[in-house]
N, C-alpha and C. Protein backbone atom coordinates (compact mmCIF):
# COMPACT_ATOMS: atom_id res chain seq x y z
N MET A 1 6.75 5.74 29.77
CA MET A 1 7.06 5.84 28.27
C MET A 1 6.61 4.53 27.14
N ALA A 2 6.96 3.63 28.27
CA ALA A 2 6.54 2.48 27.93
C ALA A 2 4.91 1.97 27.49
N ALA A 3 4.18 2.44 28.39
CA ALA A 3 3.03 2.16 28.33
C ALA A 3 2.33 2.93 26.92
N GLY A 4 2.91 4.70 26.25
CA GLY A 4 2.37 5.05 25.24
C GLY A 4 3.40 4.09 24.26
N ALA A 5 3.90 3.97 24.25
CA ALA A 5 4.57 2.38 23.45
C ALA A 5 4.00 1.09 22.74
N ALA A 6 3.75 0.91 24.34
CA ALA A 6 2.73 -0.05 23.49
C ALA A 6 1.58 -0.08 23.34
N ILE A 7 0.92 1.35 23.70
CA ILE A 7 -0.76 1.64 22.94
C ILE A 7 -0.17 2.27 21.50
N SER A 8 0.75 2.44 21.09
CA SER A 8 1.06 2.82 19.86
C SER A 8 0.94 1.22 18.67
N SER A 9 1.87 0.65 19.32
CA SER A 9 1.73 -0.74 19.07
C SER A 9 0.84 -1.45 18.29
N PHE A 10 0.15 -1.43 20.19
CA PHE A 10 -0.89 -2.31 19.76
C PHE A 10 -2.27 -1.65 18.25
N GLY A 11 -2.04 0.03 18.52
CA GLY A 11 -3.29 0.80 17.80
C GLY A 11 -2.83 0.49 16.06
N ALA A 12 -1.00 0.47 15.74
CA ALA A 12 -0.78 0.44 14.55
C ALA A 12 -0.90 -1.27 14.06
N LEU A 13 -1.07 -1.91 15.09
CA LEU A 13 -0.82 -3.51 15.01
C LEU A 13 -2.39 -3.50 14.24
N ASN A 14 -3.18 -3.38 15.11
CA ASN A 14 -4.69 -3.23 14.21
C ASN A 14 -5.14 -2.81 13.40
N GLY A 15 -4.63 -1.28 13.16
CA GLY A 15 -4.73 -0.69 11.53
C GLY A 15 -4.59 -1.63 10.33
N TRP A 16 -2.77 -1.87 10.97
CA TRP A 16 -2.43 -3.20 9.64
C TRP A 16 -3.40 -4.54 9.26
N ILE A 17 -3.73 -4.77 10.24
CA ILE A 17 -4.61 -6.31 10.17
C ILE A 17 -6.12 -5.89 9.59
N LEU A 18 -6.43 -4.59 9.74
CA LEU A 18 -7.56 -4.21 9.03
C LEU A 18 -7.48 -3.59 7.21
N LEU A 19 -6.06 -3.26 6.93
CA LEU A 19 -5.43 -3.18 5.82
C LEU A 19 -5.50 -4.40 5.18
N GLN A 20 -4.77 -5.15 5.85
CA GLN A 20 -4.72 -6.42 4.80
C GLN A 20 -5.03 -6.85 4.87
N GLY A 21 -6.18 -7.13 5.31
CA GLY A 21 -7.72 -7.75 4.45
C GLY A 21 -8.21 -6.67 3.37
N GLN A 22 -8.81 -5.46 3.65
CA GLN A 22 -9.93 -4.87 3.37
C GLN A 22 -9.06 -4.23 2.03
N PHE A 23 -7.52 -3.83 1.54
CA PHE A 23 -6.79 -3.56 0.63
C PHE A 23 -7.24 -4.67 -0.32
N PRO A 24 -6.75 -6.12 -0.25
CA PRO A 24 -6.46 -6.95 -1.40
C PRO A 24 -8.00 -6.85 -1.77
N LEU A 25 -9.37 -6.90 -0.40
CA LEU A 25 -10.34 -7.15 -0.87
C LEU A 25 -10.96 -6.06 -1.70
N ALA A 26 -10.46 -4.77 -1.68
CA ALA A 26 -10.99 -3.64 -3.08
C ALA A 26 -10.13 -4.25 -4.10
N VAL A 27 -9.29 -4.98 -4.34
CA VAL A 27 -8.34 -4.75 -5.43
C VAL A 27 -8.90 -6.40 -6.27
N ALA A 28 -9.82 -7.02 -5.26
CA ALA A 28 -9.94 -8.26 -5.53
C ALA A 28 -11.45 -8.09 -6.85
N HIS A 29 -11.85 -6.76 -5.95
CA HIS A 29 -13.43 -6.62 -6.47
C HIS A 29 -13.34 -5.79 -7.98
N ASP A 30 -11.71 -4.96 -8.03
CA ASP A 30 -11.25 -4.74 -9.54
C ASP A 30 -10.95 -4.94 -10.30
N GLY A 31 -11.13 -6.65 -10.68
CA GLY A 31 -10.69 -7.86 -10.86
C GLY A 31 -8.55 -7.69 -10.88
N LEU A 32 -8.18 -6.73 -10.08
CA LEU A 32 -6.63 -7.10 -10.39
C LEU A 32 -5.94 -8.51 -9.51
N LEU A 33 -6.68 -8.73 -8.75
CA LEU A 33 -6.40 -9.90 -7.73
C LEU A 33 -7.61 -10.91 -8.55
N PRO A 34 -6.76 -12.51 -7.76
CA PRO A 34 -7.77 -14.01 -7.76
C PRO A 34 -9.13 -13.40 -7.43
N ARG A 35 -10.21 -13.88 -7.66
CA ARG A 35 -11.36 -14.09 -6.58
C ARG A 35 -11.53 -14.54 -5.57
N ALA A 36 -10.28 -15.19 -4.65
CA ALA A 36 -10.38 -15.79 -3.36
C ALA A 36 -10.24 -14.91 -2.33
N PHE A 37 -9.63 -13.67 -3.03
CA PHE A 37 -9.63 -12.86 -2.34
C PHE A 37 -11.01 -11.95 -2.38
N ALA A 38 -11.67 -11.89 -2.76
CA ALA A 38 -12.93 -11.01 -3.17
C ALA A 38 -14.06 -12.04 -2.48
N ARG A 39 -13.60 -12.79 -1.33
CA ARG A 39 -14.61 -13.76 -1.07
C ARG A 39 -14.92 -13.31 0.72
N LEU A 40 -16.05 -13.97 1.34
CA LEU A 40 -15.94 -12.75 2.23
C LEU A 40 -16.17 -14.11 3.42
N SER A 41 -16.10 -14.20 4.76
CA SER A 41 -16.68 -15.32 5.88
C SER A 41 -18.26 -15.10 6.10
N LYS A 42 -18.54 -15.44 6.92
CA LYS A 42 -20.23 -15.86 7.21
C LYS A 42 -20.30 -14.32 7.77
N ARG A 43 -18.76 -13.24 8.36
CA ARG A 43 -18.66 -12.80 9.52
C ARG A 43 -18.36 -11.36 8.82
N SER A 44 -18.84 -11.56 7.07
CA SER A 44 -17.79 -10.63 6.41
C SER A 44 -16.84 -10.22 6.63
N THR A 45 -15.91 -10.70 6.56
CA THR A 45 -14.22 -10.73 6.89
C THR A 45 -13.78 -11.27 5.73
N PRO A 46 -12.86 -10.43 5.41
CA PRO A 46 -12.15 -10.99 4.28
C PRO A 46 -10.93 -12.16 4.50
N VAL A 47 -11.07 -13.26 4.79
CA VAL A 47 -10.80 -14.08 6.02
C VAL A 47 -8.91 -14.64 4.63
N THR A 48 -9.26 -14.28 3.60
CA THR A 48 -8.18 -14.95 2.60
C THR A 48 -6.92 -13.84 2.84
N GLY A 49 -7.03 -12.47 2.09
CA GLY A 49 -6.28 -11.50 2.36
C GLY A 49 -5.57 -11.40 4.06
N ILE A 50 -6.73 -11.71 4.99
CA ILE A 50 -5.96 -11.71 6.24
C ILE A 50 -4.92 -12.70 6.52
N VAL A 51 -5.16 -13.64 6.27
CA VAL A 51 -4.14 -15.13 6.51
C VAL A 51 -2.94 -14.69 6.02
N ILE A 52 -3.21 -14.77 4.18
CA ILE A 52 -2.21 -14.49 3.33
C ILE A 52 -0.94 -13.54 4.05
N GLY A 53 -1.57 -12.28 4.03
CA GLY A 53 -1.01 -11.49 5.04
C GLY A 53 0.05 -11.48 5.97
N SER A 54 -0.83 -12.02 7.12
CA SER A 54 -0.64 -12.97 8.15
C SER A 54 0.58 -14.03 8.00
N VAL A 55 0.53 -14.95 7.01
CA VAL A 55 1.48 -15.87 6.59
C VAL A 55 2.39 -15.05 6.11
N PHE A 56 2.59 -13.87 5.32
CA PHE A 56 3.76 -13.14 4.78
C PHE A 56 4.73 -12.14 5.62
N ALA A 57 3.90 -11.93 6.82
CA ALA A 57 4.56 -11.01 7.66
C ALA A 57 5.15 -11.89 8.96
N THR A 58 4.56 -12.68 8.92
CA THR A 58 5.22 -13.81 9.78
C THR A 58 7.11 -14.40 9.41
N ILE A 59 6.85 -13.94 7.73
CA ILE A 59 8.15 -14.56 7.21
C ILE A 59 9.10 -14.01 6.77
N LEU A 60 8.51 -11.94 6.81
CA LEU A 60 9.08 -11.27 7.07
C LEU A 60 9.67 -10.78 8.31
N ILE A 61 9.41 -11.56 9.42
CA ILE A 61 9.54 -10.87 10.72
C ILE A 61 10.39 -12.51 10.91
N SER A 62 10.58 -13.71 10.50
CA SER A 62 11.44 -14.52 10.48
C SER A 62 12.76 -14.42 10.07
N MET A 63 12.97 -13.52 9.47
CA MET A 63 13.95 -13.41 7.87
C MET A 63 14.44 -12.40 8.69
N ASN A 64 13.80 -11.43 9.42
CA ASN A 64 14.69 -10.34 10.47
C ASN A 64 14.61 -10.72 11.64
N TYR A 65 14.74 -11.96 12.02
CA TYR A 65 15.00 -12.28 13.82
C TYR A 65 16.59 -12.07 14.05
N THR A 66 17.72 -11.25 13.32
CA THR A 66 18.74 -10.86 14.29
C THR A 66 18.76 -9.77 14.59
N ARG A 67 17.57 -8.75 14.46
CA ARG A 67 17.26 -7.55 14.88
C ARG A 67 17.03 -7.60 16.10
N GLY A 68 17.06 -6.72 17.01
CA GLY A 68 16.27 -6.00 18.18
C GLY A 68 14.36 -6.11 17.98
N LEU A 69 13.75 -5.85 19.01
CA LEU A 69 12.65 -6.09 19.37
C LEU A 69 12.12 -4.51 18.40
N VAL A 70 12.53 -3.62 18.76
CA VAL A 70 12.18 -2.33 18.58
C VAL A 70 12.98 -1.95 17.02
N GLU A 71 13.39 -2.18 16.25
CA GLU A 71 14.17 -2.38 15.70
C GLU A 71 13.36 -3.11 14.11
N GLU A 72 12.89 -4.47 14.74
CA GLU A 72 12.76 -4.71 13.54
C GLU A 72 11.12 -4.50 13.66
N PHE A 73 10.36 -4.08 14.90
CA PHE A 73 8.99 -3.08 14.30
C PHE A 73 8.87 -1.90 13.91
N THR A 74 10.16 -1.10 13.94
CA THR A 74 10.33 0.03 13.27
C THR A 74 10.09 -0.24 11.66
N PHE A 75 11.70 -1.05 11.21
CA PHE A 75 11.56 -1.66 9.95
C PHE A 75 10.09 -2.36 9.44
N ILE A 76 9.21 -3.07 10.39
CA ILE A 76 8.45 -3.21 9.51
C ILE A 76 7.13 -2.38 9.76
N LEU A 77 6.92 -0.91 10.56
CA LEU A 77 6.41 -0.47 10.03
C LEU A 77 6.39 1.01 9.34
N LEU A 78 8.43 0.99 8.89
CA LEU A 78 8.10 1.83 8.04
C LEU A 78 7.75 0.96 6.43
N LEU A 79 7.76 -0.60 6.44
CA LEU A 79 7.72 -1.21 5.09
C LEU A 79 6.22 -1.17 4.94
N ALA A 80 5.21 -1.22 5.98
CA ALA A 80 3.76 -1.06 5.66
C ALA A 80 3.35 0.39 5.22
N THR A 81 4.31 1.13 5.94
CA THR A 81 3.71 2.66 5.45
C THR A 81 4.48 2.94 3.83
N LEU A 82 5.54 2.50 3.49
CA LEU A 82 6.27 2.68 2.27
C LEU A 82 4.57 1.63 1.31
N THR A 83 4.55 0.49 1.84
CA THR A 83 3.92 0.06 0.74
C THR A 83 2.22 0.47 0.23
N SER A 84 1.55 0.71 2.04
CA SER A 84 0.77 1.72 1.77
C SER A 84 0.71 3.43 1.21
N LEU A 85 2.06 3.15 1.10
CA LEU A 85 2.13 5.00 0.03
C LEU A 85 1.56 4.71 -1.71
N VAL A 86 2.46 3.72 -1.91
CA VAL A 86 2.18 3.80 -3.37
C VAL A 86 1.25 3.60 -4.20
N PRO A 87 0.14 3.08 -3.66
CA PRO A 87 -1.33 3.73 -4.14
C PRO A 87 -1.40 5.40 -3.89
N TYR A 88 -0.79 5.96 -3.08
CA TYR A 88 -0.78 7.66 -3.10
C TYR A 88 -0.17 7.91 -4.33
N VAL A 89 0.71 7.74 -4.70
CA VAL A 89 1.73 7.90 -6.44
C VAL A 89 1.10 7.35 -7.22
N PHE A 90 0.19 7.10 -7.23
CA PHE A 90 -0.56 6.57 -8.78
C PHE A 90 -1.64 7.18 -8.42
N CYS A 91 -2.64 7.53 -7.61
CA CYS A 91 -3.58 7.73 -7.18
C CYS A 91 -3.45 9.35 -8.01
N SER A 92 -2.78 10.30 -7.70
CA SER A 92 -1.93 11.59 -7.10
C SER A 92 -1.83 12.15 -8.74
N ALA A 93 -0.76 10.68 -9.29
CA ALA A 93 -1.03 10.68 -10.98
C ALA A 93 -1.91 10.92 -11.64
N ALA A 94 -2.93 9.76 -11.29
CA ALA A 94 -3.96 10.00 -12.14
C ALA A 94 -4.57 10.94 -11.84
N ASP A 95 -4.74 11.21 -10.72
CA ASP A 95 -5.70 12.81 -10.70
C ASP A 95 -5.48 13.64 -11.75
N ALA A 96 -4.02 13.52 -11.85
CA ALA A 96 -3.83 14.92 -12.77
C ALA A 96 -4.29 14.30 -13.96
N MET A 97 -3.83 13.04 -14.94
CA MET A 97 -4.04 12.59 -15.83
C MET A 97 -5.28 12.96 -16.06
N VAL A 98 -6.32 13.09 -15.44
CA VAL A 98 -7.69 13.03 -15.13
C VAL A 98 -8.11 14.28 -16.09
N LEU A 99 -7.32 15.56 -15.18
CA LEU A 99 -7.56 16.47 -15.44
C LEU A 99 -7.04 17.62 -16.22
N LEU A 100 -5.71 16.72 -16.46
CA LEU A 100 -5.22 17.94 -17.93
C LEU A 100 -6.56 16.75 -19.33
N ARG A 101 -7.09 15.58 -19.13
CA ARG A 101 -7.89 14.80 -20.27
C ARG A 101 -9.03 16.12 -19.74
N GLY A 102 -9.56 16.16 -19.24
CA GLY A 102 -10.49 16.80 -18.60
C GLY A 102 -10.75 18.32 -19.30
N GLY A 103 -9.49 18.58 -19.60
CA GLY A 103 -9.66 19.97 -20.14
C GLY A 103 -9.79 20.61 -18.93
N VAL A 104 -8.46 21.88 -18.40
CA VAL A 104 -8.88 22.46 -17.47
C VAL A 104 -8.72 23.98 -17.79
N HIS A 105 -10.49 24.98 -17.90
CA HIS A 105 -10.75 25.47 -18.96
C HIS A 105 -10.45 27.56 -18.22
N ALA A 106 -9.30 27.44 -17.79
CA ALA A 106 -8.56 28.46 -17.21
C ALA A 106 -7.34 28.90 -18.52
N ARG A 107 -6.93 30.43 -18.16
CA ARG A 107 -6.04 30.44 -18.99
C ARG A 107 -4.69 30.84 -18.17
N GLY A 108 -3.60 31.21 -19.05
CA GLY A 108 -2.35 31.10 -18.04
C GLY A 108 -2.20 30.83 -16.84
N TRP A 109 -1.65 31.28 -15.81
CA TRP A 109 -1.30 30.43 -14.67
C TRP A 109 -2.48 29.46 -13.89
N ARG A 110 -3.63 30.14 -14.29
CA ARG A 110 -4.51 29.64 -13.26
C ARG A 110 -4.86 27.95 -13.85
N ARG A 111 -4.17 27.91 -15.06
CA ARG A 111 -4.80 26.82 -15.70
C ARG A 111 -3.97 25.33 -14.73
N LEU A 112 -2.79 25.73 -14.58
CA LEU A 112 -1.95 24.92 -13.89
C LEU A 112 -2.53 24.96 -11.75
N LEU A 113 -3.20 25.63 -11.56
CA LEU A 113 -3.71 25.51 -10.00
C LEU A 113 -4.63 24.53 -9.41
N PRO A 114 -5.25 23.70 -10.90
CA PRO A 114 -5.57 22.37 -10.12
C PRO A 114 -5.18 21.15 -9.88
N LEU A 115 -3.72 21.43 -10.56
CA LEU A 115 -2.72 20.78 -10.40
C LEU A 115 -2.03 20.27 -9.45
N LEU A 116 -1.93 21.40 -8.97
CA LEU A 116 -1.42 21.84 -7.76
C LEU A 116 -1.28 20.48 -6.42
N ILE A 117 -2.90 20.49 -6.24
CA ILE A 117 -2.95 19.44 -5.05
C ILE A 117 -2.73 18.61 -5.36
N PRO A 118 -2.69 17.55 -6.32
CA PRO A 118 -2.28 16.33 -6.68
C PRO A 118 -0.66 16.52 -7.17
N GLY A 119 -0.10 17.15 -7.38
CA GLY A 119 1.14 17.51 -7.82
C GLY A 119 1.82 17.73 -6.23
N LEU A 120 1.31 18.23 -5.27
CA LEU A 120 2.16 18.07 -4.10
C LEU A 120 1.84 16.88 -3.42
N ALA A 121 0.82 16.73 -3.73
CA ALA A 121 0.23 14.93 -3.03
C ALA A 121 1.54 14.36 -3.56
N PHE A 122 1.61 13.90 -4.90
CA PHE A 122 2.97 13.07 -5.62
C PHE A 122 4.51 13.87 -5.28
N VAL A 123 4.59 14.61 -4.80
CA VAL A 123 5.91 14.88 -4.30
C VAL A 123 6.06 14.60 -2.72
N TYR A 124 5.13 14.56 -2.13
CA TYR A 124 5.49 14.31 -0.65
C TYR A 124 4.70 12.87 -0.48
N SER A 125 4.31 12.56 -1.19
CA SER A 125 4.51 10.70 -0.83
C SER A 125 5.62 10.13 -2.06
N LEU A 126 6.52 10.13 -2.80
CA LEU A 126 8.00 10.51 -3.14
C LEU A 126 8.71 10.39 -1.97
N TRP A 127 8.58 12.17 -1.45
CA TRP A 127 9.42 11.85 -0.36
C TRP A 127 9.40 11.27 0.88
N ALA A 128 8.00 11.12 1.16
CA ALA A 128 7.76 9.82 2.46
C ALA A 128 8.44 9.19 1.99
N ILE A 129 8.56 8.37 0.79
CA ILE A 129 8.71 7.04 0.44
C ILE A 129 10.43 6.78 1.06
N GLY A 130 10.95 8.16 -0.02
CA GLY A 130 12.36 7.82 0.42
C GLY A 130 12.91 8.30 1.67
N GLY A 131 12.20 9.02 2.24
CA GLY A 131 12.36 9.15 4.27
C GLY A 131 12.24 7.51 4.51
N ALA A 132 11.62 6.63 4.19
CA ALA A 132 11.38 5.12 4.69
C ALA A 132 12.60 4.89 4.91
N GLY A 133 13.97 5.10 3.83
CA GLY A 133 15.27 4.04 4.36
C GLY A 133 15.31 3.38 3.27
N ARG A 134 16.36 3.16 2.79
CA ARG A 134 17.21 2.02 2.00
C ARG A 134 16.57 0.79 1.86
N ASP A 135 17.21 0.29 2.96
CA ASP A 135 16.15 -1.00 3.09
C ASP A 135 14.66 -1.33 3.23
N ALA A 136 13.66 -0.34 3.92
CA ALA A 136 12.67 -0.32 3.61
C ALA A 136 11.68 -0.31 2.40
N VAL A 137 13.00 0.92 1.58
CA VAL A 137 12.65 0.89 0.06
C VAL A 137 12.92 -0.52 -0.76
N TYR A 138 13.66 -1.12 -0.15
CA TYR A 138 14.66 -2.54 -1.12
C TYR A 138 13.82 -3.57 -1.19
N TRP A 139 12.77 -3.66 0.45
CA TRP A 139 12.30 -4.19 0.16
C TRP A 139 10.57 -4.20 -0.44
N GLY A 140 10.32 -3.48 0.09
CA GLY A 140 8.74 -2.86 -0.64
C GLY A 140 8.68 -2.86 -2.00
N PHE A 141 10.14 -2.62 -2.97
CA PHE A 141 10.06 -2.52 -4.23
C PHE A 141 10.09 -4.37 -4.51
N MET A 142 10.57 -4.93 -4.09
CA MET A 142 10.84 -6.78 -3.94
C MET A 142 9.50 -7.30 -3.70
N LEU A 143 8.82 -6.84 -2.97
CA LEU A 143 7.39 -7.20 -2.24
C LEU A 143 6.64 -6.81 -3.65
N ILE A 144 6.39 -5.25 -4.06
CA ILE A 144 5.91 -5.19 -5.30
C ILE A 144 6.05 -5.51 -6.60
N LEU A 145 7.20 -6.37 -6.83
CA LEU A 145 7.44 -7.03 -7.89
C LEU A 145 7.50 -8.43 -7.58
N ALA A 146 7.11 -8.73 -6.42
CA ALA A 146 6.77 -10.32 -5.68
C ALA A 146 5.16 -10.56 -6.26
N GLY A 147 4.58 -9.03 -6.46
CA GLY A 147 3.08 -9.37 -6.50
C GLY A 147 2.53 -9.34 -8.11
N PHE A 148 3.43 -9.35 -9.55
CA PHE A 148 3.43 -9.37 -10.18
C PHE A 148 2.79 -10.51 -11.24
N PRO A 149 3.37 -11.71 -10.45
CA PRO A 149 2.71 -12.87 -11.31
C PRO A 149 1.35 -12.78 -10.27
N MET A 150 0.87 -12.17 -9.15
CA MET A 150 -0.54 -12.81 -9.27
C MET A 150 -1.08 -11.88 -10.17
N TYR A 151 -0.97 -10.73 -10.19
CA TYR A 151 -1.86 -10.04 -11.12
C TYR A 151 -1.73 -10.33 -12.22
N VAL A 152 -0.41 -11.10 -12.91
CA VAL A 152 -0.63 -11.50 -14.56
C VAL A 152 -1.98 -12.96 -14.49
N TRP A 153 -1.11 -13.82 -13.46
CA TRP A 153 -1.86 -14.59 -13.18
C TRP A 153 -3.90 -14.40 -13.12
N SER A 154 -4.10 -13.15 -12.06
CA SER A 154 -5.29 -12.71 -12.30
C SER A 154 -6.24 -12.23 -14.19
N ARG A 155 -4.91 -11.78 -14.34
CA ARG A 155 -5.75 -11.22 -15.81
C ARG A 155 -5.58 -12.23 -16.91
N ARG A 156 -5.44 -13.38 -16.93
CA ARG A 156 -5.05 -14.20 -17.85
C ARG A 156 -6.61 -14.55 -18.48
N GLY A 157 -6.61 -14.70 -19.75
CA GLY A 157 -8.29 -14.81 -20.47
C GLY A 157 -8.65 -13.30 -21.16
N TYR A 158 -7.57 -12.31 -20.26
CA TYR A 158 -8.28 -10.71 -20.66
C TYR A 158 -7.55 -10.33 -22.11
N ASN A 159 -7.89 -9.80 -22.68
CA ASN A 159 -7.88 -9.30 -23.78
C ASN A 159 -7.44 -7.59 -23.43
N SER A 160 -6.63 -6.66 -23.30
CA SER A 160 -6.00 -5.31 -22.97
C SER A 160 -6.11 -4.58 -24.25
């Protein structure tokens, strides 16, 4: 059982390290984060996102040092899952908007059929976010709000 938990932890750790570099890289390429996040090292690694993400992860762990190791791992896993679900909520809503604006060419109840998948994805994502628990949702919301100044700073000079 302990070996399975160790393998699971190692796999989750590797996945989140990759995600913490690639996600900011993609967002920076879209112009929503500072250009520093779009820079790659000589080995094509998004170092800025990985370093900043690791610093924040270290701060998060040190803020919750009173929890046990398993409870801390569970909390961080729930928080990471929650923050990766937020884009799914927005993407499923955007998909529904694109379908509605593009005009569905069916009549009656069949008009709603294309909205079934984005609707189910939206509901499932909300359900999974709610299932993360009160603490994870609170801290996830705070982390999202903490990112807004960086977004505003990266968008300075642009007229919307």
